[in-house]
N, C-alpha and C. Protein backbone atom coordinates (compact mmCIF):
# COMPACT_ATOMS: atom_id res chain seq x y z
N MET A 1 76.25 110.04 110.06
CA MET A 1 75.27 109.98 111.11
C MET A 1 73.93 109.47 110.58
N THR A 2 73.59 109.90 109.34
CA THR A 2 72.31 109.48 108.76
C THR A 2 72.49 108.45 107.65
N GLY A 3 73.73 108.09 107.35
CA GLY A 3 73.98 107.14 106.27
C GLY A 3 74.16 107.81 104.92
N ASP A 4 74.12 109.14 104.89
CA ASP A 4 74.28 109.88 103.65
C ASP A 4 75.17 111.09 103.94
N ALA A 5 76.12 111.36 103.08
CA ALA A 5 77.03 112.49 103.29
C ALA A 5 76.35 113.83 103.06
N THR A 6 75.20 113.82 102.40
CA THR A 6 74.47 115.05 102.11
C THR A 6 73.24 115.15 102.99
N VAL A 7 73.06 116.32 103.59
CA VAL A 7 71.87 116.58 104.40
C VAL A 7 71.06 117.63 103.65
N ARG A 8 69.86 117.26 103.21
CA ARG A 8 69.02 118.18 102.43
C ARG A 8 67.70 118.41 103.15
N GLY A 9 67.42 119.66 103.40
CA GLY A 9 66.13 120.02 103.98
C GLY A 9 66.12 120.01 105.50
N ARG A 10 65.10 120.67 106.03
CA ARG A 10 64.99 120.82 107.49
C ARG A 10 64.75 119.50 108.20
N ASP A 11 63.94 118.63 107.61
CA ASP A 11 63.67 117.34 108.26
C ASP A 11 64.94 116.51 108.36
N ALA A 12 65.74 116.49 107.30
CA ALA A 12 67.00 115.74 107.31
C ALA A 12 67.99 116.35 108.31
N LEU A 13 68.00 117.67 108.40
CA LEU A 13 68.88 118.34 109.35
C LEU A 13 68.45 118.03 110.79
N TYR A 14 67.15 118.03 111.02
CA TYR A 14 66.62 117.66 112.34
C TYR A 14 67.02 116.23 112.69
N ASP A 15 66.86 115.30 111.75
CA ASP A 15 67.24 113.90 111.98
C ASP A 15 68.73 113.78 112.29
N TYR A 16 69.55 114.51 111.55
CA TYR A 16 70.99 114.47 111.75
C TYR A 16 71.34 114.87 113.18
N TRP A 17 70.83 116.03 113.63
CA TRP A 17 71.19 116.52 114.96
C TRP A 17 70.54 115.70 116.07
N THR A 18 69.38 115.14 115.83
CA THR A 18 68.76 114.25 116.82
C THR A 18 69.64 113.04 117.06
N LYS A 19 70.13 112.44 115.98
CA LYS A 19 71.01 111.26 116.10
C LYS A 19 72.37 111.65 116.69
N ALA A 20 72.91 112.78 116.27
CA ALA A 20 74.21 113.21 116.78
C ALA A 20 74.17 113.46 118.28
N LEU A 21 73.14 114.15 118.75
CA LEU A 21 73.05 114.46 120.17
C LEU A 21 72.73 113.23 121.00
N ALA A 22 72.02 112.27 120.44
CA ALA A 22 71.76 111.01 121.15
C ALA A 22 73.05 110.20 121.28
N ALA A 23 73.88 110.23 120.24
CA ALA A 23 75.13 109.47 120.24
C ALA A 23 76.20 110.11 121.13
N VAL A 24 76.16 111.43 121.25
CA VAL A 24 77.17 112.16 122.03
C VAL A 24 76.45 113.17 122.92
N PRO A 25 75.85 112.71 124.02
CA PRO A 25 75.02 113.60 124.84
C PRO A 25 75.80 114.72 125.54
N ASP A 26 77.13 114.59 125.67
CA ASP A 26 77.90 115.64 126.34
C ASP A 26 78.52 116.64 125.36
N LEU A 27 78.03 116.66 124.13
CA LEU A 27 78.56 117.53 123.09
C LEU A 27 78.38 119.00 123.46
N GLU A 28 79.48 119.75 123.37
CA GLU A 28 79.46 121.19 123.61
C GLU A 28 80.38 121.86 122.60
N PHE A 29 80.04 123.09 122.23
CA PHE A 29 80.86 123.87 121.31
C PHE A 29 81.28 125.17 121.99
N GLY A 30 82.51 125.58 121.77
CA GLY A 30 83.00 126.88 122.22
C GLY A 30 83.42 127.69 121.02
N LEU A 31 82.70 128.75 120.75
CA LEU A 31 82.96 129.57 119.57
C LEU A 31 84.29 130.32 119.70
N GLU A 32 85.13 130.21 118.68
CA GLU A 32 86.40 130.93 118.62
C GLU A 32 86.26 132.18 117.75
N SER A 33 85.70 132.00 116.53
CA SER A 33 85.54 133.15 115.63
C SER A 33 84.59 132.80 114.50
N ILE A 34 84.10 133.85 113.85
CA ILE A 34 83.27 133.71 112.65
C ILE A 34 83.82 134.68 111.61
N THR A 35 84.00 134.19 110.38
CA THR A 35 84.47 135.02 109.29
C THR A 35 83.44 134.95 108.17
N CYS A 36 83.02 136.13 107.72
CA CYS A 36 82.00 136.21 106.66
C CYS A 36 82.61 136.91 105.44
N ASP A 37 82.44 136.30 104.28
CA ASP A 37 82.87 136.90 103.02
C ASP A 37 81.62 137.14 102.18
N GLU A 38 81.16 138.39 102.18
CA GLU A 38 79.90 138.71 101.49
C GLU A 38 80.00 138.48 99.99
N ASN A 39 81.14 138.80 99.38
CA ASN A 39 81.29 138.62 97.93
C ASN A 39 81.21 137.15 97.54
N ALA A 40 81.85 136.29 98.31
CA ALA A 40 81.83 134.85 98.02
C ALA A 40 80.61 134.17 98.62
N GLN A 41 79.84 134.90 99.42
CA GLN A 41 78.67 134.38 100.12
C GLN A 41 79.03 133.14 100.95
N THR A 42 80.12 133.28 101.72
CA THR A 42 80.56 132.18 102.58
C THR A 42 80.69 132.65 104.02
N VAL A 43 80.54 131.69 104.91
CA VAL A 43 80.75 131.91 106.34
C VAL A 43 81.64 130.78 106.84
N LEU A 44 82.66 131.14 107.60
CA LEU A 44 83.54 130.15 108.23
C LEU A 44 83.39 130.29 109.74
N VAL A 45 82.99 129.21 110.39
CA VAL A 45 82.81 129.20 111.84
C VAL A 45 83.93 128.35 112.44
N HIS A 46 84.73 128.95 113.32
CA HIS A 46 85.86 128.29 113.97
C HIS A 46 85.47 128.07 115.43
N TYR A 47 85.58 126.82 115.89
CA TYR A 47 85.15 126.51 117.26
C TYR A 47 85.96 125.39 117.86
N VAL A 48 85.76 125.18 119.15
CA VAL A 48 86.34 124.05 119.86
C VAL A 48 85.18 123.15 120.24
N SER A 49 85.32 121.87 119.96
CA SER A 49 84.28 120.87 120.24
C SER A 49 84.72 120.03 121.44
N HIS A 50 83.82 119.89 122.40
CA HIS A 50 84.06 119.04 123.57
C HIS A 50 83.05 117.89 123.51
N ALA A 51 83.55 116.66 123.41
CA ALA A 51 82.64 115.51 123.34
C ALA A 51 83.40 114.23 123.66
N GLY A 52 82.75 113.37 124.42
CA GLY A 52 83.32 112.06 124.70
C GLY A 52 84.71 112.12 125.32
N GLY A 53 84.96 113.14 126.13
CA GLY A 53 86.26 113.26 126.78
C GLY A 53 87.36 113.83 125.90
N LYS A 54 87.02 114.24 124.67
CA LYS A 54 88.01 114.82 123.76
C LYS A 54 87.67 116.28 123.49
N THR A 55 88.70 117.07 123.30
CA THR A 55 88.55 118.46 122.92
C THR A 55 89.29 118.66 121.61
N LEU A 56 88.56 119.06 120.57
CA LEU A 56 89.13 119.21 119.23
C LEU A 56 88.86 120.61 118.68
N ARG A 57 89.81 121.12 117.92
CA ARG A 57 89.57 122.34 117.15
C ARG A 57 88.83 121.93 115.89
N ALA A 58 87.94 122.79 115.43
CA ALA A 58 87.17 122.48 114.23
C ALA A 58 86.76 123.78 113.55
N CYS A 59 86.39 123.67 112.29
CA CYS A 59 85.77 124.79 111.60
C CYS A 59 84.81 124.23 110.56
N GLU A 60 83.82 125.04 110.25
CA GLU A 60 82.83 124.66 109.25
C GLU A 60 82.70 125.79 108.24
N LEU A 61 82.75 125.41 106.98
CA LEU A 61 82.62 126.35 105.88
C LEU A 61 81.24 126.17 105.25
N MET A 62 80.52 127.27 105.12
CA MET A 62 79.18 127.23 104.52
C MET A 62 79.10 128.24 103.38
N ARG A 63 78.46 127.85 102.29
CA ARG A 63 78.25 128.76 101.16
C ARG A 63 76.75 128.93 100.96
N PHE A 64 76.35 130.14 100.61
CA PHE A 64 74.94 130.47 100.48
C PHE A 64 74.63 131.00 99.09
N GLU A 65 73.42 130.74 98.63
CA GLU A 65 72.88 131.32 97.40
C GLU A 65 71.43 131.68 97.66
N ASN A 66 71.07 132.91 97.33
CA ASN A 66 69.69 133.38 97.50
C ASN A 66 69.18 133.14 98.92
N GLY A 67 70.06 133.34 99.90
CA GLY A 67 69.65 133.23 101.30
C GLY A 67 69.58 131.82 101.85
N LEU A 68 69.92 130.81 101.04
CA LEU A 68 69.87 129.42 101.49
C LEU A 68 71.27 128.81 101.47
N GLN A 69 71.57 127.98 102.45
CA GLN A 69 72.85 127.28 102.45
C GLN A 69 72.83 126.20 101.38
N VAL A 70 73.82 126.25 100.49
CA VAL A 70 73.88 125.28 99.38
C VAL A 70 75.09 124.36 99.48
N TYR A 71 75.98 124.66 100.42
CA TYR A 71 77.19 123.84 100.57
C TYR A 71 77.68 123.97 102.00
N GLY A 72 78.20 122.88 102.52
CA GLY A 72 78.80 122.92 103.85
C GLY A 72 79.83 121.82 103.98
N GLU A 73 80.90 122.13 104.67
CA GLU A 73 81.95 121.14 104.90
C GLU A 73 82.57 121.42 106.26
N ALA A 74 82.82 120.36 107.02
CA ALA A 74 83.41 120.49 108.35
C ALA A 74 84.84 119.97 108.32
N PHE A 75 85.71 120.65 109.03
CA PHE A 75 87.12 120.28 109.13
C PHE A 75 87.45 120.11 110.61
N TYR A 76 87.94 118.93 110.98
CA TYR A 76 88.26 118.65 112.37
C TYR A 76 89.77 118.52 112.52
N GLY A 77 90.31 119.21 113.53
CA GLY A 77 91.75 119.24 113.72
C GLY A 77 92.23 118.34 114.83
N ALA A 78 93.40 118.68 115.31
CA ALA A 78 94.06 117.90 116.35
C ALA A 78 93.41 118.14 117.71
N ASP A 79 93.67 117.21 118.61
CA ASP A 79 93.22 117.38 119.99
C ASP A 79 93.79 118.67 120.55
N VAL A 80 93.01 119.33 121.39
CA VAL A 80 93.48 120.53 122.07
C VAL A 80 94.08 120.08 123.39
N ALA A 81 95.32 120.43 123.61
CA ALA A 81 96.00 120.03 124.85
C ALA A 81 95.46 120.83 126.02
N GLU A 82 95.24 120.16 127.12
CA GLU A 82 94.82 120.84 128.34
C GLU A 82 96.04 121.55 128.92
N PRO A 83 95.85 122.74 129.51
CA PRO A 83 97.00 123.45 130.08
C PRO A 83 97.65 122.63 131.19
N SER A 84 98.98 122.62 131.20
CA SER A 84 99.68 121.90 132.27
C SER A 84 99.66 122.74 133.54
N GLN A 85 99.72 122.05 134.66
CA GLN A 85 99.64 122.78 135.94
C GLN A 85 100.94 122.77 136.67
């Protein structure tokens, strides 16, 4: 989104989301679950993403040190099938 795989600092994060929301104005997230591992200082957020007419399962893994996020990775899965009628 910003031309760099790494987003460092609040200004870069703001730029990332400004560009992402401009590119996909109908972006919505539906939270499925959150898993926190205090010993590993990680959080896993599992959600469903709705954007551009597609619905995808996704999760994001974040690691923290001294109260700051030092690592993050997003995993995007298969399309979510709409219930048949």
